[in-house]
Amino acid sequence: MEILSAFIIGLIGSLHCVGMCGPIALALPSSQQNKFKFVLGRVLYNVGRIISYALMGAFFGLIGSKIALFGFQQTLSLAIGILLLLYVIIPKSLLHKLPRIKLVDNFTSVIKKSFTSLWRKDSLSSLLLIGILNGFLPCGLVYVAIAGAAATGTIQHGALFMILFGLGTLPMMTIIALLGNFITLQLRRRLTKLIPVFIALLAIIFILRGLNLGIKYISPKLSIKTAAVMQHDCCK
């Protein structure tokens, strides 16, 4: 259930991401006159983003799997659910005041510099690379998805979670890349009000699962021994 919610968060969240990724999509090199290559280039750009999301999902799913191996999967799910709720509840003005991590800023700076050289090449391969780099740019919604990927507790489910998140962003980002930003700011603001709702629902799902209530599909009873067996089977 929580994996499917990744697609919904990506779909609704892409309206919010228009503000950050939209300008990049609109500014993609387009000197090629061939319409097929123009469309293919935009598709490759978005495929690149999803590749990055999948890699991050696998990495954080691996971290979650190591935690689950020691019998803390329920605790991890509960902790991530609470963090997601806090993300929704805490005013964004306070979140913006949190101290910035210098390593992240340096990483972002390197990515932006790489954009410049790739922009000059104006090739299909460069558009794919731009998409891959864009996927690693800091983004609040991507952080939410990464938290969900970690809580899945396996590499495969973590990657799948992020792929579905990326596929959710695909329709809006593809339309923008092909047709431009035709959605009004007022409409975007109305629709993005749904984002906290879906994040809160995802948080509740993770919290219920973490509480180990014995509710089938929602909060299955999972002992430490069962978690270890599941993890062992998953890694075969």
C-alpha atoms as a PDB file:
ATOM      1  CA  MET A   1       0.000   0.000   0.000  1.00  0.00           C
ATOM      2  CA  GLU A   2       2.759   2.449   0.973  1.00  0.00           C
ATOM      3  CA  ILE A   3       4.636   1.651  -2.252  1.00  0.00           C
ATOM      4  CA  LEU A   4       1.614   2.617  -4.371  1.00  0.00           C
ATOM      5  CA  SER A   5       1.306   5.850  -2.394  1.00  0.00           C
ATOM      6  CA  ALA A   6       4.731   6.820  -3.770  1.00  0.00           C
ATOM      7  CA  PHE A   7       3.172   7.228  -7.231  1.00  0.00           C
ATOM      8  CA  ILE A   8       0.399   9.465  -5.864  1.00  0.00           C
ATOM      9  CA  ILE A   9       2.885  11.660  -3.981  1.00  0.00           C
ATOM     10  CA  GLY A  10       4.978  11.950  -7.152  1.00  0.00           C
ATOM     11  CA  LEU A  11       1.919  12.770  -9.260  1.00  0.00           C
ATOM     12  CA  ILE A  12       0.571  15.475  -6.942  1.00  0.00           C
ATOM     13  CA  GLY A  13       4.025  16.613  -5.854  1.00  0.00           C
ATOM     14  CA  SER A  14       5.142  17.231  -9.438  1.00  0.00           C
ATOM     15  CA  LEU A  15       2.896  20.302  -9.430  1.00  0.00           C
ATOM     16  CA  HIS A  16       5.001  21.681  -6.605  1.00  0.00           C
ATOM     17  CA  CYS A  17       8.276  20.580  -8.246  1.00  0.00           C
ATOM     18  CA  VAL A  18       7.401  22.682 -11.297  1.00  0.00           C
ATOM     19  CA  GLY A  19       8.867  25.628  -9.400  1.00  0.00           C
ATOM     20  CA  MET A  20      12.297  23.996  -9.049  1.00  0.00           C
ATOM     21  CA  CYS A  21      12.646  21.511 -11.894  1.00  0.00           C
ATOM     22  CA  GLY A  22      10.324  23.349 -14.290  1.00  0.00           C
ATOM     23  CA  PRO A  23      12.888  26.034 -15.227  1.00  0.00           C
ATOM     24  CA  ILE A  24      15.488  23.321 -15.922  1.00  0.00           C
ATOM     25  CA  ALA A  25      13.048  21.387 -18.121  1.00  0.00           C
ATOM     26  CA  LEU A  26      12.080  24.561 -19.988  1.00  0.00           C
ATOM     27  CA  ALA A  27      15.712  25.559 -20.512  1.00  0.00           C
ATOM     28  CA  LEU A  28      16.847  22.214 -21.928  1.00  0.00           C
ATOM     29  CA  PRO A  29      18.882  22.561 -25.158  1.00  0.00           C
ATOM     30  CA  SER A  30      16.563  22.597 -28.172  1.00  0.00           C
ATOM     31  CA  SER A  31      18.643  23.696 -31.115  1.00  0.00           C
ATOM     32  CA  GLN A  32      17.926  20.421 -32.918  1.00  0.00           C
ATOM     33  CA  GLN A  33      15.241  20.917 -35.542  1.00  0.00           C
ATOM     34  CA  ASN A  34      14.259  17.238 -35.733  1.00  0.00           C
ATOM     35  CA  LYS A  35      10.986  16.932 -33.809  1.00  0.00           C
ATOM     36  CA  PHE A  36      11.556  13.260 -33.038  1.00  0.00           C
ATOM     37  CA  LYS A  37      14.931  14.012 -31.431  1.00  0.00           C
ATOM     38  CA  PHE A  38      13.384  16.936 -29.567  1.00  0.00           C
ATOM     39  CA  VAL A  39      10.729  14.688 -27.994  1.00  0.00           C
ATOM     40  CA  LEU A  40      13.193  11.832 -27.430  1.00  0.00           C
ATOM     41  CA  GLY A  41      15.584  14.219 -25.683  1.00  0.00           C
ATOM     42  CA  ARG A  42      12.869  15.310 -23.249  1.00  0.00           C
ATOM     43  CA  VAL A  43      11.916  11.699 -22.587  1.00  0.00           C
ATOM     44  CA  LEU A  44      15.557  10.804 -21.914  1.00  0.00           C
ATOM     45  CA  TYR A  45      15.843  13.741 -19.526  1.00  0.00           C
ATOM     46  CA  ASN A  46      12.959  12.370 -17.459  1.00  0.00           C
ATOM     47  CA  VAL A  47      14.282   8.806 -17.697  1.00  0.00           C
ATOM     48  CA  GLY A  48      17.532  10.170 -16.248  1.00  0.00           C
ATOM     49  CA  ARG A  49      15.673  11.585 -13.252  1.00  0.00           C
ATOM     50  CA  ILE A  50      13.979   8.252 -12.593  1.00  0.00           C
ATOM     51  CA  ILE A  51      17.326   6.415 -12.840  1.00  0.00           C
ATOM     52  CA  SER A  52      18.668   8.675 -10.079  1.00  0.00           C
ATOM     53  CA  TYR A  53      15.584   8.095  -7.952  1.00  0.00           C
ATOM     54  CA  ALA A  54      15.922   4.315  -8.399  1.00  0.00           C
ATOM     55  CA  LEU A  55      19.586   4.399  -7.345  1.00  0.00           C
ATOM     56  CA  MET A  56      18.758   6.438  -4.248  1.00  0.00           C
ATOM     57  CA  GLY A  57      15.837   4.135  -3.465  1.00  0.00           C
ATOM     58  CA  ALA A  58      18.069   1.067  -3.682  1.00  0.00           C
ATOM     59  CA  PHE A  59      20.732   2.699  -1.487  1.00  0.00           C
ATOM     60  CA  PHE A  60      18.343   3.787   1.251  1.00  0.00           C
ATOM     61  CA  GLY A  61      16.416   0.533   0.933  1.00  0.00           C
ATOM     62  CA  LEU A  62      19.732  -1.202   1.641  1.00  0.00           C
ATOM     63  CA  ILE A  63      20.183   0.910   4.770  1.00  0.00           C
ATOM     64  CA  GLY A  64      16.637   0.026   5.815  1.00  0.00           C
ATOM     65  CA  SER A  65      17.341  -3.659   5.184  1.00  0.00           C
ATOM     66  CA  LYS A  66      20.354  -3.594   7.506  1.00  0.00           C
ATOM     67  CA  ILE A  67      18.209  -2.046  10.223  1.00  0.00           C
ATOM     68  CA  ALA A  68      15.495  -4.660   9.610  1.00  0.00           C
ATOM     69  CA  LEU A  69      18.087  -7.421   9.868  1.00  0.00           C
ATOM     70  CA  PHE A  70      18.609  -6.505  13.530  1.00  0.00           C
ATOM     71  CA  GLY A  71      14.858  -6.590  14.172  1.00  0.00           C
ATOM     72  CA  PHE A  72      14.260  -2.831  14.106  1.00  0.00           C
ATOM     73  CA  GLN A  73      12.105  -2.630  10.963  1.00  0.00           C
ATOM     74  CA  GLN A  74       8.986  -1.745  12.951  1.00  0.00           C
ATOM     75  CA  THR A  75      10.925   0.923  14.869  1.00  0.00           C
ATOM     76  CA  LEU A  76      12.278   2.363  11.620  1.00  0.00           C
ATOM     77  CA  SER A  77       8.790   2.464  10.102  1.00  0.00           C
ATOM     78  CA  LEU A  78       7.424   4.207  13.208  1.00  0.00           C
ATOM     79  CA  ALA A  79      10.273   6.733  13.322  1.00  0.00           C
ATOM     80  CA  ILE A  80       9.938   7.626   9.637  1.00  0.00           C
ATOM     81  CA  GLY A  81       6.167   7.976   9.967  1.00  0.00           C
ATOM     82  CA  ILE A  82       6.633  10.440  12.843  1.00  0.00           C
ATOM     83  CA  LEU A  83       9.265  12.388  10.878  1.00  0.00           C
ATOM     84  CA  LEU A  84       6.916  12.646   7.885  1.00  0.00           C
ATOM     85  CA  LEU A  85       4.137  13.939  10.129  1.00  0.00           C
ATOM     86  CA  LEU A  86       6.512  16.515  11.594  1.00  0.00           C
ATOM     87  CA  TYR A  87       7.447  17.569   8.057  1.00  0.00           C
ATOM     88  CA  VAL A  88       3.770  18.257   7.372  1.00  0.00           C
ATOM     89  CA  ILE A  89       3.014  19.921  10.723  1.00  0.00           C
ATOM     90  CA  ILE A  90       6.093  22.126  11.180  1.00  0.00           C
ATOM     91  CA  PRO A  91       5.690  25.475   9.352  1.00  0.00           C
ATOM     92  CA  LYS A  92       7.847  25.708   6.235  1.00  0.00           C
ATOM     93  CA  SER A  93       9.232  29.024   7.491  1.00  0.00           C
ATOM     94  CA  LEU A  94      10.850  27.134  10.393  1.00  0.00           C
ATOM     95  CA  LEU A  95      12.141  24.373   8.144  1.00  0.00           C
ATOM     96  CA  HIS A  96      13.877  26.956   5.979  1.00  0.00           C
ATOM     97  CA  LYS A  97      15.654  28.298   9.067  1.00  0.00           C
ATOM     98  CA  LEU A  98      17.299  24.967   9.808  1.00  0.00           C
ATOM     99  CA  PRO A  99      21.095  25.092   9.391  1.00  0.00           C
ATOM    100  CA  ARG A 100      22.235  24.125   5.905  1.00  0.00           C
ATOM    101  CA  ILE A 101      24.627  21.227   5.468  1.00  0.00           C
ATOM    102  CA  LYS A 102      27.783  22.471   3.773  1.00  0.00           C
ATOM    103  CA  LEU A 103      28.440  19.115   2.096  1.00  0.00           C
ATOM    104  CA  VAL A 104      25.008  19.248   0.425  1.00  0.00           C
ATOM    105  CA  ASP A 105      25.614  22.827  -0.749  1.00  0.00           C
ATOM    106  CA  ASN A 106      28.993  21.823  -2.221  1.00  0.00           C
ATOM    107  CA  PHE A 107      27.427  18.826  -3.947  1.00  0.00           C
ATOM    108  CA  THR A 108      24.672  21.030  -5.405  1.00  0.00           C
ATOM    109  CA  SER A 109      27.284  23.492  -6.653  1.00  0.00           C
ATOM    110  CA  VAL A 110      29.162  20.706  -8.470  1.00  0.00           C
ATOM    111  CA  ILE A 111      25.932  19.527 -10.133  1.00  0.00           C
ATOM    112  CA  LYS A 112      25.061  23.030 -11.327  1.00  0.00           C
ATOM    113  CA  LYS A 113      28.533  23.474 -12.800  1.00  0.00           C
ATOM    114  CA  SER A 114      28.151  20.159 -14.612  1.00  0.00           C
ATOM    115  CA  PHE A 115      24.878  21.404 -16.091  1.00  0.00           C
ATOM    116  CA  THR A 116      26.738  24.192 -17.870  1.00  0.00           C
ATOM    117  CA  SER A 117      29.096  21.883 -19.762  1.00  0.00           C
ATOM    118  CA  LEU A 118      26.319  19.439 -20.642  1.00  0.00           C
ATOM    119  CA  TRP A 119      24.100  22.246 -21.912  1.00  0.00           C
ATOM    120  CA  ARG A 120      26.738  23.190 -24.487  1.00  0.00           C
ATOM    121  CA  LYS A 121      26.863  19.679 -25.966  1.00  0.00           C
ATOM    122  CA  ASP A 122      23.153  19.639 -26.867  1.00  0.00           C
ATOM    123  CA  SER A 123      23.042  15.880 -27.522  1.00  0.00           C
ATOM    124  CA  LEU A 124      20.714  13.061 -26.505  1.00  0.00           C
ATOM    125  CA  SER A 125      23.307  11.616 -24.148  1.00  0.00           C
ATOM    126  CA  SER A 126      23.821  15.014 -22.485  1.00  0.00           C
ATOM    127  CA  LEU A 127      20.064  15.345 -21.913  1.00  0.00           C
ATOM    128  CA  LEU A 128      20.038  11.938 -20.216  1.00  0.00           C
ATOM    129  CA  LEU A 129      22.948  13.017 -17.999  1.00  0.00           C
ATOM    130  CA  ILE A 130      21.222  16.318 -17.181  1.00  0.00           C
ATOM    131  CA  GLY A 131      18.211  14.305 -16.014  1.00  0.00           C
ATOM    132  CA  ILE A 132      20.380  12.019 -13.885  1.00  0.00           C
ATOM    133  CA  LEU A 133      22.102  15.003 -12.248  1.00  0.00           C
ATOM    134  CA  ASN A 134      18.773  16.794 -11.774  1.00  0.00           C
ATOM    135  CA  GLY A 135      17.477  13.776  -9.870  1.00  0.00           C
ATOM    136  CA  PHE A 136      20.179  14.284  -7.235  1.00  0.00           C
ATOM    137  CA  LEU A 137      19.361  17.959  -6.607  1.00  0.00           C
ATOM    138  CA  PRO A 138      18.075  18.660  -3.064  1.00  0.00           C
ATOM    139  CA  CYS A 139      14.266  18.592  -2.912  1.00  0.00           C
ATOM    140  CA  GLY A 140      11.915  18.275   0.046  1.00  0.00           C
ATOM    141  CA  LEU A 141       9.558  15.877  -1.738  1.00  0.00           C
ATOM    142  CA  VAL A 142      12.445  13.671  -2.846  1.00  0.00           C
ATOM    143  CA  TYR A 143      13.530  13.523   0.804  1.00  0.00           C
ATOM    144  CA  VAL A 144      10.022  12.380   1.713  1.00  0.00           C
ATOM    145  CA  ALA A 145      10.196   9.661  -0.941  1.00  0.00           C
ATOM    146  CA  ILE A 146      13.667   8.597   0.244  1.00  0.00           C
ATOM    147  CA  ALA A 147      12.319   8.213   3.780  1.00  0.00           C
ATOM    148  CA  GLY A 148       9.559   6.002   2.424  1.00  0.00           C
ATOM    149  CA  ALA A 149      12.095   3.943   0.447  1.00  0.00           C
ATOM    150  CA  ALA A 150      14.190   3.363   3.577  1.00  0.00           C
ATOM    151  CA  ALA A 151      11.108   2.270   5.518  1.00  0.00           C
ATOM    152  CA  THR A 152      10.309  -0.453   2.965  1.00  0.00           C
ATOM    153  CA  GLY A 153      13.224  -2.398   4.426  1.00  0.00           C
ATOM    154  CA  THR A 154      14.544  -3.975   1.203  1.00  0.00           C
ATOM    155  CA  ILE A 155      16.719  -2.883  -1.725  1.00  0.00           C
ATOM    156  CA  GLN A 156      14.134  -4.000  -4.278  1.00  0.00           C
ATOM    157  CA  HIS A 157      11.173  -2.300  -2.624  1.00  0.00           C
ATOM    158  CA  GLY A 158      13.226   0.816  -1.948  1.00  0.00           C
ATOM    159  CA  ALA A 159      14.129   1.090  -5.642  1.00  0.00           C
ATOM    160  CA  LEU A 160      10.528   0.328  -6.671  1.00  0.00           C
ATOM    161  CA  PHE A 161       9.213   2.972  -4.262  1.00  0.00           C
ATOM    162  CA  MET A 162      11.420   5.644  -5.844  1.00  0.00           C
ATOM    163  CA  ILE A 163      10.701   4.463  -9.399  1.00  0.00           C
ATOM    164  CA  LEU A 164       6.963   4.820  -8.768  1.00  0.00           C
ATOM    165  CA  PHE A 165       7.593   8.232  -7.252  1.00  0.00           C
ATOM    166  CA  GLY A 166       9.509   9.204 -10.392  1.00  0.00           C
ATOM    167  CA  LEU A 167       6.798   7.805 -12.663  1.00  0.00           C
ATOM    168  CA  GLY A 168       4.295   9.915 -10.746  1.00  0.00           C
ATOM    169  CA  THR A 169       6.260  13.049 -11.619  1.00  0.00           C
ATOM    170  CA  LEU A 170       6.647  11.961 -15.249  1.00  0.00           C
ATOM    171  CA  PRO A 171       3.367  13.236 -16.785  1.00  0.00           C
ATOM    172  CA  MET A 172       3.669  16.797 -15.495  1.00  0.00           C
ATOM    173  CA  MET A 173       7.416  17.160 -16.079  1.00  0.00           C
ATOM    174  CA  THR A 174       7.133  15.712 -19.604  1.00  0.00           C
ATOM    175  CA  ILE A 175       4.290  18.063 -20.493  1.00  0.00           C
ATOM    176  CA  ILE A 176       6.293  21.041 -19.220  1.00  0.00           C
ATOM    177  CA  ALA A 177       9.408  19.952 -21.111  1.00  0.00           C
ATOM    178  CA  LEU A 178       7.402  19.590 -24.342  1.00  0.00           C
ATOM    179  CA  LEU A 179       4.783  22.331 -24.103  1.00  0.00           C
ATOM    180  CA  GLY A 180       6.092  24.797 -21.544  1.00  0.00           C
ATOM    181  CA  ASN A 181       4.707  25.928 -18.213  1.00  0.00           C
ATOM    182  CA  PHE A 182       1.043  26.363 -19.135  1.00  0.00           C
ATOM    183  CA  ILE A 183      -0.346  25.809 -15.629  1.00  0.00           C
ATOM    184  CA  THR A 184      -1.213  29.021 -13.816  1.00  0.00           C
ATOM    185  CA  LEU A 185       0.353  29.780 -10.454  1.00  0.00           C
ATOM    186  CA  GLN A 186      -3.092  29.987  -8.840  1.00  0.00           C
ATOM    187  CA  LEU A 187      -4.048  26.484 -10.037  1.00  0.00           C
ATOM    188  CA  ARG A 188      -0.718  25.076  -8.880  1.00  0.00           C
ATOM    189  CA  ARG A 189      -1.212  26.549  -5.412  1.00  0.00           C
ATOM    190  CA  ARG A 190      -4.658  24.980  -5.133  1.00  0.00           C
ATOM    191  CA  LEU A 191      -3.522  21.555  -6.251  1.00  0.00           C
ATOM    192  CA  THR A 192      -0.336  21.523  -4.152  1.00  0.00           C
ATOM    193  CA  LYS A 193      -2.497  21.820  -1.027  1.00  0.00           C
ATOM    194  CA  LEU A 194      -3.147  18.106  -1.541  1.00  0.00           C
ATOM    195  CA  ILE A 195       0.544  17.256  -1.067  1.00  0.00           C
ATOM    196  CA  PRO A 196       0.537  17.469   2.773  1.00  0.00           C
ATOM    197  CA  VAL A 197      -2.591  15.301   2.834  1.00  0.00           C
ATOM    198  CA  PHE A 198      -0.925  12.449   0.958  1.00  0.00           C
ATOM    199  CA  ILE A 199       2.307  12.790   2.935  1.00  0.00           C
ATOM    200  CA  ALA A 200       0.270  12.603   6.160  1.00  0.00           C
ATOM    201  CA  LEU A 201      -1.543   9.488   4.881  1.00  0.00           C
ATOM    202  CA  LEU A 202       1.793   7.878   4.050  1.00  0.00           C
ATOM    203  CA  ALA A 203       3.056   8.801   7.521  1.00  0.00           C
ATOM    204  CA  ILE A 204      -0.007   7.205   9.142  1.00  0.00           C
ATOM    205  CA  ILE A 205       0.522   4.012   7.116  1.00  0.00           C
ATOM    206  CA  PHE A 206       4.131   3.781   8.306  1.00  0.00           C
ATOM    207  CA  ILE A 207       3.154   4.525  11.909  1.00  0.00           C
ATOM    208  CA  LEU A 208       0.427   1.858  11.883  1.00  0.00           C
ATOM    209  CA  ARG A 209       2.858  -0.649  10.424  1.00  0.00           C
ATOM    210  CA  GLY A 210       5.416   0.289  13.056  1.00  0.00           C
ATOM    211  CA  LEU A 211       2.929  -0.215  15.885  1.00  0.00           C
ATOM    212  CA  ASN A 212       2.744  -3.926  15.045  1.00  0.00           C
ATOM    213  CA  LEU A 213      -1.014  -4.093  15.728  1.00  0.00           C
ATOM    214  CA  GLY A 214      -1.655  -7.349  13.892  1.00  0.00           C
ATOM    215  CA  ILE A 215      -3.959  -5.744  11.292  1.00  0.00           C
ATOM    216  CA  LYS A 216      -3.604  -7.625   8.008  1.00  0.00           C
ATOM    217  CA  TYR A 217      -1.905  -5.625   5.204  1.00  0.00           C
ATOM    218  CA  ILE A 218      -1.932  -2.402   7.269  1.00  0.00           C
ATOM    219  CA  SER A 219      -0.109  -3.327  10.467  1.00  0.00           C
ATOM    220  CA  PRO A 220       0.893  -7.002  10.320  1.00  0.00           C
ATOM    221  CA  LYS A 221       2.241  -8.654  13.439  1.00  0.00           C
ATOM    222  CA  LEU A 222       5.944  -9.050  12.814  1.00  0.00           C
ATOM    223  CA  SER A 223       8.252 -10.627  15.351  1.00  0.00           C
ATOM    224  CA  ILE A 224      12.016 -10.158  15.294  1.00  0.00           C
ATOM    225  CA  LYS A 225      12.390 -13.750  14.077  1.00  0.00           C
ATOM    226  CA  THR A 226       9.878 -13.219  11.275  1.00  0.00           C
ATOM    227  CA  ALA A 227      11.592  -9.986  10.201  1.00  0.00           C
ATOM    228  CA  ALA A 228      14.942 -11.759  10.055  1.00  0.00           C
ATOM    229  CA  VAL A 229      13.479 -14.601   7.949  1.00  0.00           C
ATOM    230  CA  MET A 230      11.830 -12.118   5.573  1.00  0.00           C
ATOM    231  CA  GLN A 231      15.074 -10.236   5.217  1.00  0.00           C
ATOM    232  CA  HIS A 232      17.013 -13.461   4.564  1.00  0.00           C
ATOM    233  CA  ASP A 233      14.533 -14.557   1.879  1.00  0.00           C
ATOM    234  CA  CYS A 234      14.619 -11.114   0.287  1.00  0.00           C
ATOM    235  CA  CYS A 235      18.383 -11.153  -0.075  1.00  0.00           C
ATOM    236  CA  LYS A 236      18.553 -14.572  -1.780  1.00  0.00           C
END
